[in-house]
Full PDB file with SEQRES, HELIX, SHEET, SSBOND, CRYST1, ORIGX, SCALE, CONECT and MASTER records, all heavy atoms in Angstrom:
SEQRES   1 A   34  LEU TYR LYS THR LYS ARG GLU THR LYS ILE ALA ILE VAL          
SEQRES   2 A   34  PRO ILE GLY HIS TYR ASP GLY PHE GLY LEU THR LYS GLU          
SEQRES   3 A   34  LYS GLU ILE TYR ASP PHE HIS SER                              
CRYST1    1.000    1.000    1.000  90.00  90.00  90.00 P 1           1          
ORIGX1      1.000000  0.000000  0.000000        0.00000                         
ORIGX2      0.000000  1.000000  0.000000        0.00000                         
ORIGX3      0.000000  0.000000  1.000000        0.00000                         
SCALE1      1.000000  0.000000  0.000000        0.00000                         
SCALE2      0.000000  1.000000  0.000000        0.00000                         
SCALE3      0.000000  0.000000  1.000000        0.00000                         
ATOM      1  N   LEU A   1      -5.432  -2.050  23.026  1.00  0.00           N  
ATOM      2  CA  LEU A   1      -4.079  -1.614  23.344  1.00  0.00           C  
ATOM      3  C   LEU A   1      -3.066  -2.718  22.971  1.00  0.00           C  
ATOM      4  O   LEU A   1      -1.865  -2.437  22.811  1.00  0.00           O  
ATOM      5  CB  LEU A   1      -3.932  -1.297  24.811  1.00  0.00           C  
ATOM      6  CG  LEU A   1      -4.829  -0.148  25.283  1.00  0.00           C  
ATOM      7  CD1 LEU A   1      -4.641   0.073  26.765  1.00  0.00           C  
ATOM      8  CD2 LEU A   1      -4.438   1.162  24.490  1.00  0.00           C  
ATOM      9  N   TYR A   2      -3.522  -3.933  22.841  1.00  0.00           N  
ATOM     10  CA  TYR A   2      -2.576  -5.043  22.546  1.00  0.00           C  
ATOM     11  C   TYR A   2      -2.897  -5.557  21.137  1.00  0.00           C  
ATOM     12  O   TYR A   2      -4.047  -5.880  20.814  1.00  0.00           O  
ATOM     13  CB  TYR A   2      -2.739  -6.166  23.559  1.00  0.00           C  
ATOM     14  CG  TYR A   2      -1.775  -7.322  23.360  1.00  0.00           C  
ATOM     15  CD1 TYR A   2      -0.539  -7.339  24.012  1.00  0.00           C  
ATOM     16  CD2 TYR A   2      -2.024  -8.367  22.437  1.00  0.00           C  
ATOM     17  CE1 TYR A   2       0.351  -8.394  23.832  1.00  0.00           C  
ATOM     18  CE2 TYR A   2      -1.136  -9.407  22.258  1.00  0.00           C  
ATOM     19  CZ  TYR A   2       0.058  -9.381  22.934  1.00  0.00           C  
ATOM     20  OH  TYR A   2       0.963 -10.409  22.746  1.00  0.00           O  
ATOM     21  N   LYS A   3      -1.851  -5.670  20.299  1.00  0.00           N  
ATOM     22  CA  LYS A   3      -1.999  -6.209  18.946  1.00  0.00           C  
ATOM     23  C   LYS A   3      -1.025  -7.327  18.765  1.00  0.00           C  
ATOM     24  O   LYS A   3       0.141  -7.193  19.170  1.00  0.00           O  
ATOM     25  CB  LYS A   3      -1.825  -5.088  17.890  1.00  0.00           C  
ATOM     26  CG  LYS A   3      -2.868  -4.021  17.858  1.00  0.00           C  
ATOM     27  CD  LYS A   3      -2.684  -3.031  16.768  1.00  0.00           C  
ATOM     28  CE  LYS A   3      -3.670  -1.905  16.782  1.00  0.00           C  
ATOM     29  NZ  LYS A   3      -5.054  -2.402  16.630  1.00  0.00           N  
ATOM     30  N   THR A   4      -1.445  -8.402  18.151  1.00  0.00           N  
ATOM     31  CA  THR A   4      -0.577  -9.517  17.877  1.00  0.00           C  
ATOM     32  C   THR A   4       0.482  -9.143  16.890  1.00  0.00           C  
ATOM     33  O   THR A   4       0.244  -8.398  15.913  1.00  0.00           O  
ATOM     34  CB  THR A   4      -1.364 -10.725  17.408  1.00  0.00           C  
ATOM     35  OG1 THR A   4      -2.041 -10.369  16.179  1.00  0.00           O  
ATOM     36  CG2 THR A   4      -2.353 -11.187  18.449  1.00  0.00           C  
ATOM     37  N   LYS A   5       1.711  -9.709  17.076  1.00  0.00           N  
ATOM     38  CA  LYS A   5       2.832  -9.438  16.169  1.00  0.00           C  
ATOM     39  C   LYS A   5       2.955 -10.587  15.140  1.00  0.00           C  
ATOM     40  O   LYS A   5       3.782 -10.463  14.209  1.00  0.00           O  
ATOM     41  CB  LYS A   5       4.121  -9.281  16.957  1.00  0.00           C  
ATOM     42  CG  LYS A   5       4.083  -8.026  17.888  1.00  0.00           C  
ATOM     43  CD  LYS A   5       5.400  -7.923  18.689  1.00  0.00           C  
ATOM     44  CE  LYS A   5       5.358  -6.695  19.542  1.00  0.00           C  
ATOM     45  NZ  LYS A   5       6.624  -6.545  20.296  1.00  0.00           N  
ATOM     46  N   ARG A   6       2.224 -11.659  15.356  1.00  0.00           N  
ATOM     47  CA  ARG A   6       2.262 -12.824  14.451  1.00  0.00           C  
ATOM     48  C   ARG A   6       0.950 -13.521  14.566  1.00  0.00           C  
ATOM     49  O   ARG A   6       0.108 -13.217  15.387  1.00  0.00           O  
ATOM     50  CB  ARG A   6       3.432 -13.723  14.838  1.00  0.00           C  
ATOM     51  CG  ARG A   6       3.426 -14.051  16.334  1.00  0.00           C  
ATOM     52  CD  ARG A   6       4.315 -15.196  16.681  1.00  0.00           C  
ATOM     53  NE  ARG A   6       4.567 -15.328  18.103  1.00  0.00           N  
ATOM     54  CZ  ARG A   6       3.712 -15.686  19.074  1.00  0.00           C  
ATOM     55  NH1 ARG A   6       2.447 -15.827  18.729  1.00  0.00           N  
ATOM     56  NH2 ARG A   6       4.094 -15.807  20.284  1.00  0.00           N  
ATOM     57  N   GLU A   7       0.796 -14.531  13.735  1.00  0.00           N  
ATOM     58  CA  GLU A   7      -0.421 -15.393  13.915  1.00  0.00           C  
ATOM     59  C   GLU A   7      -0.361 -16.025  15.309  1.00  0.00           C  
ATOM     60  O   GLU A   7       0.681 -16.560  15.719  1.00  0.00           O  
ATOM     61  CB  GLU A   7      -0.420 -16.475  12.833  1.00  0.00           C  
ATOM     62  CG  GLU A   7      -1.681 -17.361  12.918  1.00  0.00           C  
ATOM     63  CD  GLU A   7      -1.724 -18.391  11.859  1.00  0.00           C  
ATOM     64  OE1 GLU A   7      -1.064 -19.454  12.008  1.00  0.00           O  
ATOM     65  OE2 GLU A   7      -2.388 -18.179  10.788  1.00  0.00           O  
ATOM     66  N   THR A   8      -1.398 -15.863  16.035  1.00  0.00           N  
ATOM     67  CA  THR A   8      -1.391 -16.192  17.470  1.00  0.00           C  
ATOM     68  C   THR A   8      -2.542 -17.133  17.843  1.00  0.00           C  
ATOM     69  O   THR A   8      -3.745 -16.872  17.498  1.00  0.00           O  
ATOM     70  CB  THR A   8      -1.448 -14.936  18.274  1.00  0.00           C  
ATOM     71  OG1 THR A   8      -0.364 -14.095  17.908  1.00  0.00           O  
ATOM     72  CG2 THR A   8      -1.304 -15.251  19.763  1.00  0.00           C  
ATOM     73  N   LYS A   9      -2.208 -18.112  18.642  1.00  0.00           N  
ATOM     74  CA  LYS A   9      -3.261 -18.972  19.201  1.00  0.00           C  
ATOM     75  C   LYS A   9      -3.625 -18.500  20.586  1.00  0.00           C  
ATOM     76  O   LYS A   9      -2.715 -18.256  21.410  1.00  0.00           O  
ATOM     77  CB  LYS A   9      -2.779 -20.432  19.257  1.00  0.00           C  
ATOM     78  CG  LYS A   9      -3.855 -21.457  19.740  1.00  0.00           C  
ATOM     79  CD  LYS A   9      -3.245 -22.852  19.719  1.00  0.00           C  
ATOM     80  CE  LYS A   9      -4.304 -23.864  20.238  1.00  0.00           C  
ATOM     81  NZ  LYS A   9      -3.740 -25.237  20.339  1.00  0.00           N  
ATOM     82  N   ILE A  10      -4.911 -18.343  20.861  1.00  0.00           N  
ATOM     83  CA  ILE A  10      -5.329 -17.768  22.067  1.00  0.00           C  
ATOM     84  C   ILE A  10      -6.228 -18.770  22.861  1.00  0.00           C  
ATOM     85  O   ILE A  10      -7.043 -19.503  22.287  1.00  0.00           O  
ATOM     86  CB  ILE A  10      -6.191 -16.490  21.810  1.00  0.00           C  
ATOM     87  CG1 ILE A  10      -5.397 -15.434  21.078  1.00  0.00           C  
ATOM     88  CG2 ILE A  10      -6.779 -15.904  23.142  1.00  0.00           C  
ATOM     89  CD1 ILE A  10      -6.210 -14.239  20.578  1.00  0.00           C  
ATOM     90  N   ALA A  11      -6.019 -18.756  24.214  1.00  0.00           N  
ATOM     91  CA  ALA A  11      -6.951 -19.488  25.077  1.00  0.00           C  
ATOM     92  C   ALA A  11      -7.730 -18.458  25.884  1.00  0.00           C  
ATOM     93  O   ALA A  11      -7.154 -17.504  26.370  1.00  0.00           O  
ATOM     94  CB  ALA A  11      -6.127 -20.417  26.001  1.00  0.00           C  
ATOM     95  N   ILE A  12      -8.999 -18.729  26.032  1.00  0.00           N  
ATOM     96  CA  ILE A  12      -9.860 -17.835  26.889  1.00  0.00           C  
ATOM     97  C   ILE A  12     -10.109 -18.537  28.195  1.00  0.00           C  
ATOM     98  O   ILE A  12     -10.590 -19.664  28.243  1.00  0.00           O  
ATOM     99  CB  ILE A  12     -11.203 -17.549  26.174  1.00  0.00           C  
ATOM    100  CG1 ILE A  12     -10.984 -16.946  24.784  1.00  0.00           C  
ATOM    101  CG2 ILE A  12     -12.017 -16.602  27.046  1.00  0.00           C  
ATOM    102  CD1 ILE A  12     -10.158 -15.703  24.739  1.00  0.00           C  
ATOM    103  N   VAL A  13      -9.671 -17.880  29.283  1.00  0.00           N  
ATOM    104  CA  VAL A  13      -9.817 -18.416  30.607  1.00  0.00           C  
ATOM    105  C   VAL A  13     -10.819 -17.583  31.382  1.00  0.00           C  
ATOM    106  O   VAL A  13     -10.688 -16.345  31.430  1.00  0.00           O  
ATOM    107  CB  VAL A  13      -8.464 -18.362  31.342  1.00  0.00           C  
ATOM    108  CG1 VAL A  13      -8.625 -18.926  32.752  1.00  0.00           C  
ATOM    109  CG2 VAL A  13      -7.421 -19.220  30.596  1.00  0.00           C  
ATOM    110  N   PRO A  14     -11.846 -18.203  31.971  1.00  0.00           N  
ATOM    111  CA  PRO A  14     -12.921 -17.402  32.691  1.00  0.00           C  
ATOM    112  C   PRO A  14     -12.516 -16.942  34.071  1.00  0.00           C  
ATOM    113  O   PRO A  14     -13.132 -17.240  35.054  1.00  0.00           O  
ATOM    114  CB  PRO A  14     -14.075 -18.395  32.717  1.00  0.00           C  
ATOM    115  CG  PRO A  14     -13.372 -19.790  32.851  1.00  0.00           C  
ATOM    116  CD  PRO A  14     -12.178 -19.639  31.973  1.00  0.00           C  
ATOM    117  N   ILE A  15     -11.439 -16.233  34.100  1.00  0.00           N  
ATOM    118  CA  ILE A  15     -10.907 -15.574  35.339  1.00  0.00           C  
ATOM    119  C   ILE A  15     -10.592 -14.094  34.996  1.00  0.00           C  
ATOM    120  O   ILE A  15      -9.942 -13.830  33.990  1.00  0.00           O  
ATOM    121  CB  ILE A  15      -9.602 -16.301  35.843  1.00  0.00           C  
ATOM    122  CG1 ILE A  15      -9.922 -17.687  36.302  1.00  0.00           C  
ATOM    123  CG2 ILE A  15      -8.979 -15.488  36.938  1.00  0.00           C  
ATOM    124  CD1 ILE A  15      -8.658 -18.514  36.697  1.00  0.00           C  
ATOM    125  N   GLY A  16     -11.097 -13.212  35.870  1.00  0.00           N  
ATOM    126  CA  GLY A  16     -10.852 -11.794  35.630  1.00  0.00           C  
ATOM    127  C   GLY A  16     -10.817 -10.991  36.871  1.00  0.00           C  
ATOM    128  O   GLY A  16     -10.632 -11.531  37.984  1.00  0.00           O  
ATOM    129  N   HIS A  17     -11.018  -9.727  36.716  1.00  0.00           N  
ATOM    130  CA  HIS A  17     -11.000  -8.807  37.878  1.00  0.00           C  
ATOM    131  C   HIS A  17     -12.020  -9.144  38.916  1.00  0.00           C  
ATOM    132  O   HIS A  17     -11.790  -8.967  40.129  1.00  0.00           O  
ATOM    133  CB  HIS A  17     -11.211  -7.327  37.424  1.00  0.00           C  
ATOM    134  CG  HIS A  17     -10.091  -6.740  36.653  1.00  0.00           C  
ATOM    135  ND1 HIS A  17      -8.740  -6.916  37.019  1.00  0.00           N  
ATOM    136  CD2 HIS A  17     -10.066  -5.968  35.532  1.00  0.00           C  
ATOM    137  CE1 HIS A  17      -7.973  -6.281  36.184  1.00  0.00           C  
ATOM    138  NE2 HIS A  17      -8.731  -5.700  35.257  1.00  0.00           N  
ATOM    139  N   TYR A  18     -13.167  -9.654  38.525  1.00  0.00           N  
ATOM    140  CA  TYR A  18     -14.214 -10.087  39.461  1.00  0.00           C  
ATOM    141  C   TYR A  18     -13.665 -11.134  40.395  1.00  0.00           C  
ATOM    142  O   TYR A  18     -14.021 -11.180  41.606  1.00  0.00           O  
ATOM    143  CB  TYR A  18     -15.462 -10.590  38.755  1.00  0.00           C  
ATOM    144  CG  TYR A  18     -16.539 -11.040  39.666  1.00  0.00           C  
ATOM    145  CD1 TYR A  18     -17.446 -10.149  40.268  1.00  0.00           C  
ATOM    146  CD2 TYR A  18     -16.691 -12.405  39.955  1.00  0.00           C  
ATOM    147  CE1 TYR A  18     -18.443 -10.541  41.097  1.00  0.00           C  
ATOM    148  CE2 TYR A  18     -17.707 -12.843  40.791  1.00  0.00           C  
ATOM    149  CZ  TYR A  18     -18.545 -11.950  41.377  1.00  0.00           C  
ATOM    150  OH  TYR A  18     -19.535 -12.387  42.228  1.00  0.00           O  
ATOM    151  N   ASP A  19     -12.817 -12.012  39.884  1.00  0.00           N  
ATOM    152  CA  ASP A  19     -12.263 -13.041  40.696  1.00  0.00           C  
ATOM    153  C   ASP A  19     -11.164 -12.544  41.549  1.00  0.00           C  
ATOM    154  O   ASP A  19     -10.780 -13.188  42.554  1.00  0.00           O  
ATOM    155  CB  ASP A  19     -11.729 -14.162  39.793  1.00  0.00           C  
ATOM    156  CG  ASP A  19     -12.798 -14.727  38.887  1.00  0.00           C  
ATOM    157  OD1 ASP A  19     -13.000 -14.165  37.796  1.00  0.00           O  
ATOM    158  OD2 ASP A  19     -13.495 -15.692  39.258  1.00  0.00           O  
ATOM    159  N   GLY A  20     -10.585 -11.425  41.198  1.00  0.00           N  
ATOM    160  CA  GLY A  20      -9.438 -10.868  41.912  1.00  0.00           C  
ATOM    161  C   GLY A  20      -8.132 -10.865  41.134  1.00  0.00           C  
ATOM    162  O   GLY A  20      -7.120 -10.320  41.549  1.00  0.00           O  
ATOM    163  N   PHE A  21      -8.165 -11.494  39.886  1.00  0.00           N  
ATOM    164  CA  PHE A  21      -6.987 -11.554  39.087  1.00  0.00           C  
ATOM    165  C   PHE A  21      -6.655 -10.198  38.472  1.00  0.00           C  
ATOM    166  O   PHE A  21      -7.488  -9.501  37.948  1.00  0.00           O  
ATOM    167  CB  PHE A  21      -7.181 -12.527  37.954  1.00  0.00           C  
ATOM    168  CG  PHE A  21      -5.966 -12.831  37.148  1.00  0.00           C  
ATOM    169  CD1 PHE A  21      -4.718 -13.028  37.722  1.00  0.00           C  
ATOM    170  CD2 PHE A  21      -6.035 -12.926  35.808  1.00  0.00           C  
ATOM    171  CE1 PHE A  21      -3.597 -13.277  36.996  1.00  0.00           C  
ATOM    172  CE2 PHE A  21      -4.904 -13.258  34.988  1.00  0.00           C  
ATOM    173  CZ  PHE A  21      -3.681 -13.405  35.648  1.00  0.00           C  
ATOM    174  N   GLY A  22      -5.345  -9.778  38.558  1.00  0.00           N  
ATOM    175  CA  GLY A  22      -4.920  -8.539  38.051  1.00  0.00           C  
ATOM    176  C   GLY A  22      -5.029  -7.384  38.985  1.00  0.00           C  
ATOM    177  O   GLY A  22      -4.569  -6.298  38.709  1.00  0.00           O  
ATOM    178  N   LEU A  23      -5.652  -7.641  40.132  1.00  0.00           N  
ATOM    179  CA  LEU A  23      -5.687  -6.627  41.186  1.00  0.00           C  
ATOM    180  C   LEU A  23      -4.453  -6.785  42.090  1.00  0.00           C  
ATOM    181  O   LEU A  23      -3.943  -7.883  42.224  1.00  0.00           O  
ATOM    182  CB  LEU A  23      -6.915  -6.790  42.032  1.00  0.00           C  
ATOM    183  CG  LEU A  23      -8.273  -6.772  41.298  1.00  0.00           C  
ATOM    184  CD1 LEU A  23      -9.404  -6.964  42.286  1.00  0.00           C  
ATOM    185  CD2 LEU A  23      -8.446  -5.473  40.510  1.00  0.00           C  
ATOM    186  N   THR A  24      -3.982  -5.713  42.648  1.00  0.00           N  
ATOM    187  CA  THR A  24      -2.781  -5.851  43.553  1.00  0.00           C  
ATOM    188  C   THR A  24      -3.069  -5.230  44.866  1.00  0.00           C  
ATOM    189  O   THR A  24      -3.754  -4.234  44.988  1.00  0.00           O  
ATOM    190  CB  THR A  24      -1.569  -5.142  42.868  1.00  0.00           C  
ATOM    191  OG1 THR A  24      -1.905  -3.770  42.663  1.00  0.00           O  
ATOM    192  CG2 THR A  24      -1.187  -5.769  41.603  1.00  0.00           C  
ATOM    193  N   LYS A  25      -2.503  -5.886  45.902  1.00  0.00           N  
ATOM    194  CA  LYS A  25      -2.603  -5.349  47.273  1.00  0.00           C  
ATOM    195  C   LYS A  25      -1.570  -4.232  47.398  1.00  0.00           C  
ATOM    196  O   LYS A  25      -0.403  -4.467  47.139  1.00  0.00           O  
ATOM    197  CB  LYS A  25      -2.339  -6.460  48.293  1.00  0.00           C  
ATOM    198  CG  LYS A  25      -2.511  -6.022  49.743  1.00  0.00           C  
ATOM    199  CD  LYS A  25      -2.376  -7.223  50.675  1.00  0.00           C  
ATOM    200  CE  LYS A  25      -2.576  -6.859  52.110  1.00  0.00           C  
ATOM    201  NZ  LYS A  25      -1.549  -6.000  52.604  1.00  0.00           N  
ATOM    202  N   GLU A  26      -2.009  -3.077  47.857  1.00  0.00           N  
ATOM    203  CA  GLU A  26      -1.062  -1.957  47.994  1.00  0.00           C  
ATOM    204  C   GLU A  26      -0.064  -2.285  49.065  1.00  0.00           C  
ATOM    205  O   GLU A  26      -0.372  -2.935  50.058  1.00  0.00           O  
ATOM    206  CB  GLU A  26      -1.847  -0.688  48.380  1.00  0.00           C  
ATOM    207  CG  GLU A  26      -2.757  -0.134  47.299  1.00  0.00           C  
ATOM    208  CD  GLU A  26      -2.036   0.173  46.021  1.00  0.00           C  
ATOM    209  OE1 GLU A  26      -0.901   0.679  46.120  1.00  0.00           O  
ATOM    210  OE2 GLU A  26      -2.591  -0.034  44.935  1.00  0.00           O  
ATOM    211  N   LYS A  27       1.186  -1.821  48.855  1.00  0.00           N  
ATOM    212  CA  LYS A  27       2.221  -2.066  49.860  1.00  0.00           C  
ATOM    213  C   LYS A  27       1.915  -1.349  51.122  1.00  0.00           C  
ATOM    214  O   LYS A  27       1.320  -0.246  51.173  1.00  0.00           O  
ATOM    215  CB  LYS A  27       3.549  -1.533  49.307  1.00  0.00           C  
ATOM    216  CG  LYS A  27       4.192  -2.472  48.282  1.00  0.00           C  
ATOM    217  CD  LYS A  27       5.555  -1.941  47.881  1.00  0.00           C  
ATOM    218  CE  LYS A  27       6.291  -2.879  46.955  1.00  0.00           C  
ATOM    219  NZ  LYS A  27       6.640  -4.130  47.619  1.00  0.00           N  
ATOM    220  N   GLU A  28       2.260  -1.911  52.271  1.00  0.00           N  
ATOM    221  CA  GLU A  28       2.062  -1.364  53.565  1.00  0.00           C  
ATOM    222  C   GLU A  28       3.030  -0.265  53.874  1.00  0.00           C  
ATOM    223  O   GLU A  28       2.878   0.557  54.737  1.00  0.00           O  
ATOM    224  CB  GLU A  28       2.012  -2.407  54.637  1.00  0.00           C  
ATOM    225  CG  GLU A  28       0.856  -3.430  54.453  1.00  0.00           C  
ATOM    226  CD  GLU A  28       0.826  -4.383  55.586  1.00  0.00           C  
ATOM    227  OE1 GLU A  28       1.050  -4.010  56.733  1.00  0.00           O  
ATOM    228  OE2 GLU A  28       0.540  -5.560  55.330  1.00  0.00           O  
ATOM    229  N   ILE A  29       4.184  -0.314  53.224  1.00  0.00           N  
ATOM    230  CA  ILE A  29       5.214   0.691  53.413  1.00  0.00           C  
ATOM    231  C   ILE A  29       5.783   1.141  52.095  1.00  0.00           C  
ATOM    232  O   ILE A  29       5.746   0.428  51.071  1.00  0.00           O  
ATOM    233  CB  ILE A  29       6.429   0.113  54.285  1.00  0.00           C  
ATOM    234  CG1 ILE A  29       6.948  -1.183  53.668  1.00  0.00           C  
ATOM    235  CG2 ILE A  29       5.942  -0.196  55.726  1.00  0.00           C  
ATOM    236  CD1 ILE A  29       8.207  -1.638  54.295  1.00  0.00           C  
ATOM    237  N   TYR A  30       6.278   2.336  52.084  1.00  0.00           N  
ATOM    238  CA  TYR A  30       6.910   2.875  50.867  1.00  0.00           C  
ATOM    239  C   TYR A  30       8.277   3.446  51.184  1.00  0.00           C  
ATOM    240  O   TYR A  30       8.355   4.310  52.090  1.00  0.00           O  
ATOM    241  CB  TYR A  30       6.036   3.939  50.223  1.00  0.00           C  
ATOM    242  CG  TYR A  30       4.794   3.429  49.569  1.00  0.00           C  
ATOM    243  CD1 TYR A  30       3.584   3.335  50.276  1.00  0.00           C  
ATOM    244  CD2 TYR A  30       4.834   2.893  48.239  1.00  0.00           C  
ATOM    245  CE1 TYR A  30       2.463   2.842  49.662  1.00  0.00           C  
ATOM    246  CE2 TYR A  30       3.701   2.395  47.624  1.00  0.00           C  
ATOM    247  CZ  TYR A  30       2.532   2.368  48.346  1.00  0.00           C  
ATOM    248  OH  TYR A  30       1.418   1.855  47.767  1.00  0.00           O  
ATOM    249  N   ASP A  31       9.308   2.970  50.558  1.00  0.00           N  
ATOM    250  CA  ASP A  31      10.618   3.504  50.739  1.00  0.00           C  
ATOM    251  C   ASP A  31      11.265   3.644  49.368  1.00  0.00           C  
ATOM    252  O   ASP A  31      10.603   3.319  48.329  1.00  0.00           O  
ATOM    253  CB  ASP A  31      11.485   2.650  51.678  1.00  0.00           C  
ATOM    254  CG  ASP A  31      11.526   1.223  51.256  1.00  0.00           C  
ATOM    255  OD1 ASP A  31      11.278   0.965  50.054  1.00  0.00           O  
ATOM    256  OD2 ASP A  31      11.885   0.390  52.105  1.00  0.00           O  
ATOM    257  N   PHE A  32      12.497   4.017  49.284  1.00  0.00           N  
ATOM    258  CA  PHE A  32      13.169   4.260  47.986  1.00  0.00           C  
ATOM    259  C   PHE A  32      13.138   2.957  47.155  1.00  0.00           C  
ATOM    260  O   PHE A  32      12.866   2.998  45.968  1.00  0.00           O  
ATOM    261  CB  PHE A  32      14.570   4.732  48.217  1.00  0.00           C  
ATOM    262  CG  PHE A  32      15.411   4.778  46.983  1.00  0.00           C  
ATOM    263  CD1 PHE A  32      15.210   5.850  46.060  1.00  0.00           C  
ATOM    264  CD2 PHE A  32      16.320   3.798  46.636  1.00  0.00           C  
ATOM    265  CE1 PHE A  32      15.938   5.897  44.897  1.00  0.00           C  
ATOM    266  CE2 PHE A  32      17.049   3.888  45.476  1.00  0.00           C  
ATOM    267  CZ  PHE A  32      16.850   4.899  44.587  1.00  0.00           C  
ATOM    268  N   HIS A  33      13.484   1.833  47.830  1.00  0.00           N  
ATOM    269  CA  HIS A  33      13.530   0.592  47.059  1.00  0.00           C  
ATOM    270  C   HIS A  33      12.213   0.108  46.533  1.00  0.00           C  
ATOM    271  O   HIS A  33      12.170  -0.379  45.395  1.00  0.00           O  
ATOM    272  CB  HIS A  33      14.195  -0.523  48.006  1.00  0.00           C  
ATOM    273  CG  HIS A  33      15.625  -0.196  48.379  1.00  0.00           C  
ATOM    274  ND1 HIS A  33      16.651  -0.192  47.494  1.00  0.00           N  
ATOM    275  CD2 HIS A  33      16.124   0.197  49.608  1.00  0.00           C  
ATOM    276  CE1 HIS A  33      17.750   0.139  48.099  1.00  0.00           C  
ATOM    277  NE2 HIS A  33      17.501   0.365  49.399  1.00  0.00           N  
ATOM    278  N   SER A  34      11.156   0.226  47.338  1.00  0.00           N  
ATOM    279  CA  SER A  34       9.845  -0.226  46.864  1.00  0.00           C  
ATOM    280  C   SER A  34       9.332   0.684  45.667  1.00  0.00           C  
ATOM    281  O   SER A  34       8.756   0.196  44.747  1.00  0.00           O  
ATOM    282  CB  SER A  34       8.807  -0.190  47.994  1.00  0.00           C  
ATOM    283  OG  SER A  34       8.605   1.130  48.464  1.00  0.00           O  
TER     284      SER A  34                                                      
MASTER        0    0    0    0    0    0    0    6  283    1    0    3          
END                                                                             
């Protein structure tokens, strides 16, 4: 889904969903602003 737009230097970091990264805690309340 992601394609580079130019020559790109990449770093690989051993952190992912298993660690909890990229997951979000659902809001406890929902209103118009949230």
